[in-house]
N, C-alpha and C. Protein backbone atom coordinates (compact mmCIF):
# COMPACT_ATOMS: atom_id res chain seq x y z
N MET A 1 14.46 -28.65 -6.56
CA MET A 1 14.23 -26.60 -7.12
C MET A 1 14.63 -25.68 -6.03
N GLY A 2 14.61 -26.46 -4.87
CA GLY A 2 14.12 -26.20 -3.22
C GLY A 2 12.66 -25.29 -3.19
N PRO A 3 12.82 -24.39 -2.10
CA PRO A 3 11.74 -23.94 -1.72
C PRO A 3 11.03 -22.55 -2.74
N VAL A 4 9.73 -22.85 -2.21
CA VAL A 4 9.25 -21.49 -3.24
C VAL A 4 9.34 -20.27 -2.62
N VAL A 5 9.64 -18.94 -2.61
CA VAL A 5 8.77 -17.58 -2.37
C VAL A 5 8.04 -17.34 -2.65
N ILE A 6 7.34 -16.49 -1.93
CA ILE A 6 5.96 -15.76 -2.05
C ILE A 6 5.73 -14.18 -1.58
N SER A 7 5.24 -14.09 -2.76
CA SER A 7 5.29 -12.32 -2.51
C SER A 7 4.11 -11.65 -3.28
N ILE A 8 3.34 -11.24 -1.61
CA ILE A 8 2.25 -10.56 -2.09
C ILE A 8 2.38 -9.35 -1.80
N GLU A 9 1.75 -8.93 -2.78
CA GLU A 9 1.72 -7.67 -4.18
C GLU A 9 1.06 -6.80 -3.54
N VAL A 10 1.15 -5.29 -3.24
CA VAL A 10 0.50 -4.44 -2.90
C VAL A 10 1.04 -3.90 -3.22
N SER A 11 -0.04 -2.44 -3.23
CA SER A 11 0.07 -0.97 -3.99
C SER A 11 0.51 0.00 -2.80
N TYR A 12 1.23 1.41 -3.64
CA TYR A 12 1.87 1.76 -2.35
C TYR A 12 0.68 2.76 -1.79
N ASN A 13 -0.33 2.55 -2.48
CA ASN A 13 -1.60 3.57 -1.61
C ASN A 13 -2.21 2.51 -1.03
N GLN A 14 -3.06 1.49 -1.50
CA GLN A 14 -3.48 0.56 -0.34
C GLN A 14 -2.62 0.18 0.99
N LEU A 15 -1.14 0.27 0.63
CA LEU A 15 -0.45 -0.24 1.86
C LEU A 15 -0.81 1.14 2.83
N LEU A 16 -0.91 1.46 2.21
CA LEU A 16 -0.79 2.68 3.23
C LEU A 16 -2.10 3.94 3.51
N GLN A 17 -3.82 3.26 3.23
CA GLN A 17 -4.82 2.62 3.45
C GLN A 17 -4.95 1.87 4.47
N ARG A 18 -4.00 1.34 3.80
CA ARG A 18 -4.45 0.23 5.71
C ARG A 18 -3.88 -0.19 6.26
N LEU A 19 -2.48 0.31 6.41
CA LEU A 19 -1.38 0.77 7.46
C LEU A 19 -2.38 2.08 7.73
N THR A 20 -2.65 2.98 7.75
CA THR A 20 -2.19 4.08 8.88
C THR A 20 -4.36 4.21 9.18
N VAL A 21 -4.91 4.08 8.97
CA VAL A 21 -5.86 2.90 9.32
C VAL A 21 -6.76 1.42 10.50
N ARG A 22 -5.62 1.39 10.84
CA ARG A 22 -5.17 0.82 11.67
C ARG A 22 -5.69 0.95 13.17
N ARG A 23 -6.67 0.39 13.97
CA ARG A 23 -6.32 0.62 15.02
C ARG A 23 -5.75 -0.63 16.20
N SER A 24 -5.16 -0.44 17.47
CA SER A 24 -4.96 -1.67 18.19
C SER A 24 -5.89 -2.04 19.18
N CYS A 25 -6.10 -2.63 20.19
CA CYS A 25 -6.56 -2.34 21.85
C CYS A 25 -4.80 -2.98 22.12
N PRO A 26 -5.15 -1.65 23.42
CA PRO A 26 -3.92 -1.87 24.00
C PRO A 26 -3.88 -2.11 25.42
N VAL A 27 -5.98 -2.76 25.34
CA VAL A 27 -5.17 -3.81 26.65
C VAL A 27 -5.09 -4.91 26.33
N ASP A 28 -6.56 -5.11 25.12
CA ASP A 28 -6.08 -6.41 25.12
C ASP A 28 -5.30 -7.43 23.20
N GLY A 29 -4.83 -5.91 23.41
CA GLY A 29 -4.25 -6.15 22.22
C GLY A 29 -4.92 -6.39 20.37
N LYS A 30 -6.18 -6.59 20.73
CA LYS A 30 -7.24 -6.60 19.11
C LYS A 30 -6.67 -5.88 17.92
N ILE A 31 -6.90 -6.07 16.64
CA ILE A 31 -6.53 -4.88 15.29
C ILE A 31 -7.47 -4.60 15.01
N TYR A 32 -7.99 -4.50 14.47
CA TYR A 32 -9.43 -3.69 13.84
C TYR A 32 -8.90 -2.93 12.82
N ASN A 33 -9.48 -2.19 11.68
CA ASN A 33 -9.17 -1.55 10.50
C ASN A 33 -10.85 -0.78 10.49
N VAL A 34 -10.32 0.35 10.03
CA VAL A 34 -11.09 2.00 9.81
C VAL A 34 -12.05 0.99 9.29
N TYR A 35 -11.90 0.82 7.88
CA TYR A 35 -12.55 0.64 6.44
C TYR A 35 -13.28 -0.71 6.66
N PHE A 36 -12.50 -1.79 6.86
CA PHE A 36 -11.84 -3.47 6.20
C PHE A 36 -12.63 -3.74 7.73
N GLN A 37 -12.29 -3.63 8.90
CA GLN A 37 -13.15 -4.26 9.74
C GLN A 37 -13.18 -3.74 11.20
N PRO A 38 -14.18 -2.90 11.52
CA PRO A 38 -13.99 -2.22 11.71
C PRO A 38 -14.93 -2.53 13.80
N PRO A 39 -14.39 -1.80 14.34
CA PRO A 39 -15.30 -1.92 16.40
C PRO A 39 -16.93 -1.75 15.58
N GLN A 40 -17.41 -2.43 16.65
CA GLN A 40 -18.62 -1.81 16.67
C GLN A 40 -18.87 -0.12 16.64
N LYS A 41 -18.33 0.14 18.02
CA LYS A 41 -19.11 1.27 18.17
C LYS A 41 -17.01 2.15 18.55
N ASP A 42 -17.73 2.82 17.57
CA ASP A 42 -16.19 4.42 17.45
C ASP A 42 -14.95 3.91 17.75
N GLU A 43 -14.25 3.57 17.65
CA GLU A 43 -12.06 4.12 18.20
C GLU A 43 -12.14 2.61 19.75
N VAL A 44 -13.04 2.15 20.51
CA VAL A 44 -14.14 1.43 21.13
C VAL A 44 -13.49 -0.57 21.46
N CYS A 45 -12.37 -0.72 21.74
CA CYS A 45 -13.07 -2.36 21.28
C CYS A 45 -13.99 -2.77 21.70
N ASP A 46 -14.15 -3.73 21.03
CA ASP A 46 -15.90 -4.59 20.65
C ASP A 46 -15.34 -6.03 21.76
N SER A 47 -14.15 -6.29 21.96
CA SER A 47 -14.09 -7.00 23.96
C SER A 47 -14.44 -6.66 24.62
N CYS A 48 -13.27 -5.24 24.58
CA CYS A 48 -13.12 -5.42 26.27
C CYS A 48 -13.59 -3.65 27.20
N GLY A 49 -13.65 -3.18 25.76
CA GLY A 49 -14.07 -1.25 25.15
C GLY A 49 -12.53 0.07 25.71
N SER A 50 -11.96 -0.74 25.59
CA SER A 50 -11.05 0.65 25.99
C SER A 50 -11.00 0.97 24.76
N GLN A 51 -10.39 2.59 25.43
CA GLN A 51 -10.49 3.37 23.76
C GLN A 51 -9.21 3.08 22.72
N LEU A 52 -8.86 2.31 21.78
CA LEU A 52 -7.88 2.32 20.35
C LEU A 52 -7.86 3.10 21.01
N VAL A 53 -6.26 2.90 20.18
CA VAL A 53 -4.75 3.61 19.35
C VAL A 53 -4.61 3.25 18.39
N GLN A 54 -3.77 4.21 17.48
CA GLN A 54 -3.12 3.70 16.77
C GLN A 54 -1.68 4.22 16.83
N ARG A 55 -1.03 3.03 16.61
CA ARG A 55 0.52 2.49 17.04
C ARG A 55 1.55 3.58 16.70
N LYS A 56 3.08 3.77 17.02
CA LYS A 56 3.60 5.22 16.06
C LYS A 56 3.94 4.87 14.54
N ASP A 57 4.26 3.21 15.01
CA ASP A 57 4.40 3.03 13.18
C ASP A 57 3.14 2.13 12.14
N ASP A 58 2.57 3.54 13.23
CA ASP A 58 0.84 3.04 11.24
C ASP A 58 0.98 4.67 11.23
N LYS A 59 1.82 5.05 11.39
CA LYS A 59 1.61 6.73 10.94
C LYS A 59 1.86 7.10 9.28
N GLU A 60 1.80 7.62 8.23
CA GLU A 60 2.14 7.67 7.13
C GLU A 60 3.26 7.95 6.96
N GLU A 61 4.32 8.82 7.73
CA GLU A 61 5.99 9.11 7.87
C GLU A 61 6.28 7.54 8.41
N VAL A 62 6.20 7.73 9.21
CA VAL A 62 6.76 6.09 9.85
C VAL A 62 6.47 5.03 8.02
N ILE A 63 5.84 4.34 8.43
CA ILE A 63 6.04 4.10 6.48
C ILE A 63 6.72 4.03 5.34
N SER A 64 5.93 5.33 5.25
CA SER A 64 7.11 5.83 3.65
C SER A 64 8.63 5.36 4.53
N GLU A 65 9.21 5.35 4.97
CA GLU A 65 10.62 5.22 6.15
C GLU A 65 10.30 3.15 5.58
N ARG A 66 9.62 3.11 5.93
CA ARG A 66 8.94 1.90 6.45
C ARG A 66 9.41 0.45 4.31
N LEU A 67 9.10 1.37 4.34
CA LEU A 67 8.62 0.64 2.44
C LEU A 67 10.00 0.42 1.69
N LYS A 68 10.72 2.38 2.04
CA LYS A 68 12.09 3.10 0.85
C LYS A 68 12.65 2.02 2.10
N SER A 69 12.89 0.62 2.82
CA SER A 69 13.89 0.59 2.90
C SER A 69 13.88 -1.19 3.36
N TYR A 70 12.39 -1.50 2.93
CA TYR A 70 11.65 -2.26 1.94
C TYR A 70 12.64 -2.39 -0.11
N GLU A 71 12.08 -1.25 -0.33
CA GLU A 71 12.39 -1.62 -1.97
C GLU A 71 14.68 -1.36 -1.65
N ARG A 72 14.62 -1.21 -0.28
CA ARG A 72 16.93 -1.35 -0.62
C ARG A 72 16.75 -2.77 -0.40
N GLN A 73 16.43 -3.18 1.18
CA GLN A 73 17.18 -4.07 1.64
C GLN A 73 16.40 -5.38 0.78
N THR A 74 15.08 -5.65 0.69
CA THR A 74 14.03 -6.37 0.48
C THR A 74 14.37 -7.14 -1.56
N LEU A 75 13.05 -5.97 -1.22
CA LEU A 75 13.00 -6.08 -3.36
C LEU A 75 14.26 -7.45 -4.29
N PRO A 76 15.75 -6.20 -3.44
CA PRO A 76 16.40 -7.29 -5.06
C PRO A 76 15.99 -8.93 -4.07
N LEU A 77 15.50 -8.95 -3.20
CA LEU A 77 15.09 -10.57 -3.54
C LEU A 77 14.90 -10.26 -4.50
N VAL A 78 13.38 -10.35 -4.92
CA VAL A 78 11.76 -10.12 -5.75
C VAL A 78 13.19 -11.20 -7.28
N ASP A 79 13.69 -9.87 -7.36
CA ASP A 79 14.34 -9.94 -9.00
C ASP A 79 15.50 -11.29 -8.34
N TYR A 80 15.69 -12.04 -7.67
CA TYR A 80 17.17 -12.63 -7.39
C TYR A 80 16.39 -14.37 -6.74
N TYR A 81 14.65 -14.51 -6.79
CA TYR A 81 14.49 -15.86 -6.71
C TYR A 81 14.07 -15.61 -8.45
N GLY A 82 12.91 -14.67 -8.68
CA GLY A 82 11.98 -14.37 -9.92
C GLY A 82 13.67 -15.25 -11.03
N ARG A 83 14.47 -14.90 -11.03
CA ARG A 83 15.57 -15.67 -11.92
C ARG A 83 15.98 -17.45 -11.60
N GLN A 84 15.73 -17.83 -10.30
CA GLN A 84 15.45 -19.21 -10.37
C GLN A 84 14.25 -19.77 -10.62
N GLY A 85 13.23 -19.05 -10.57
CA GLY A 85 12.68 -19.55 -11.36
C GLY A 85 11.38 -20.26 -10.34
N ARG A 86 12.03 -19.70 -9.32
CA ARG A 86 11.28 -19.76 -7.77
C ARG A 86 10.90 -18.96 -6.96
N LEU A 87 10.51 -17.91 -7.30
CA LEU A 87 8.98 -17.27 -7.02
C LEU A 87 7.97 -17.23 -7.63
N ARG A 88 7.06 -16.58 -7.58
CA ARG A 88 5.65 -16.94 -7.17
C ARG A 88 4.20 -15.57 -6.32
N ARG A 89 4.43 -14.62 -7.54
CA ARG A 89 3.37 -13.41 -6.63
C ARG A 89 1.91 -13.48 -6.91
N LEU A 90 1.58 -13.37 -6.05
CA LEU A 90 0.76 -12.94 -6.05
C LEU A 90 -0.79 -11.76 -5.96
N ASN A 91 -1.48 -10.98 -5.68
CA ASN A 91 -2.38 -10.04 -5.84
C ASN A 91 -2.06 -9.93 -4.58
N GLY A 92 -1.79 -9.11 -2.98
CA GLY A 92 -2.09 -9.41 -2.13
C GLY A 92 -3.49 -8.03 -1.85
N GLU A 93 -4.15 -7.74 -2.68
CA GLU A 93 -5.30 -6.20 -3.03
C GLU A 93 -6.16 -7.38 -2.61
N ARG A 94 -6.28 -8.90 -2.53
CA ARG A 94 -7.92 -8.86 -2.78
C ARG A 94 -8.85 -9.52 -1.40
N PRO A 95 -9.37 -10.03 -0.65
CA PRO A 95 -9.92 -10.91 0.58
C PRO A 95 -9.10 -11.90 0.61
N VAL A 96 -7.92 -11.44 2.67
CA VAL A 96 -7.82 -12.40 3.25
C VAL A 96 -7.66 -13.93 3.06
N ASP A 97 -9.46 -14.72 2.78
CA ASP A 97 -9.16 -15.76 2.59
C ASP A 97 -9.09 -15.94 1.39
N GLN A 98 -9.19 -15.36 -0.03
CA GLN A 98 -8.64 -15.90 -0.83
C GLN A 98 -6.87 -15.05 -1.41
N VAL A 99 -6.29 -14.87 -0.77
CA VAL A 99 -4.96 -14.71 -0.66
C VAL A 99 -4.56 -15.97 -0.09
N THR A 100 -4.81 -15.68 0.95
CA THR A 100 -4.17 -17.68 1.82
C THR A 100 -4.61 -18.75 1.37
N ALA A 101 -5.83 -18.84 0.40
CA ALA A 101 -6.43 -19.84 -0.25
C ALA A 101 -4.78 -20.54 -1.27
N GLU A 102 -4.74 -18.69 -2.47
CA GLU A 102 -4.07 -19.06 -3.72
C GLU A 102 -2.42 -19.13 -3.06
N THR A 103 -1.60 -18.63 -1.66
CA THR A 103 -0.27 -18.79 -1.27
C THR A 103 -1.01 -21.15 -1.01
N LEU A 104 -1.53 -21.19 -0.37
CA LEU A 104 -1.31 -22.77 -0.20
C LEU A 104 -1.48 -23.44 -0.69
N ALA A 105 -2.62 -22.75 -2.08
CA ALA A 105 -2.04 -23.97 -3.78
C ALA A 105 -0.81 -23.68 -4.07
N LYS A 106 0.02 -22.11 -4.07
CA LYS A 106 1.42 -22.22 -4.48
C LYS A 106 2.13 -23.06 -4.01
N VAL A 107 2.31 -23.42 -2.79
CA VAL A 107 2.57 -24.39 -2.13
C VAL A 107 2.83 -25.47 -2.21
N GLU A 108 1.79 -25.76 -2.21
CA GLU A 108 1.90 -27.38 -1.52
C GLU A 108 1.89 -27.45 -3.27
N ALA A 109 1.47 -26.78 -4.69
CA ALA A 109 1.60 -27.49 -5.97
C ALA A 109 3.71 -27.50 -6.27
N ALA A 110 4.07 -26.57 -6.05
CA ALA A 110 5.82 -26.54 -5.23
C ALA A 110 5.85 -27.81 -4.49
N ALA A 111 5.98 -28.21 -3.96
CA ALA A 111 6.32 -29.43 -3.38
C ALA A 111 6.01 -30.97 -3.91
N ALA A 112 4.41 -30.97 -5.22
CA ALA A 112 4.11 -31.90 -5.43
C ALA A 112 5.16 -31.88 -5.52
């Protein structure tokens, strides 16, 4: 059959919420999410105390363009692999550990 393709699906609004509230430390690269994984002190890196920043590509207008590009360039592959029976869809709005576990289970099942 060939390799499986995993499509981790997240709604547009959820993607916006996740990305527009992402902050990173310019010194050590640690990434935070204001809602889901906030720093202990608002806008300050837990590790080194540096002021957190929002990356230019995490602004709503940039994300919107990235999603349009995805729809044009990548989304057609979902249909392609779906027709081949190789596509496995996952709900990416669940906690990371659940998505990871399901991803591994689907890859292992395809290899069996």
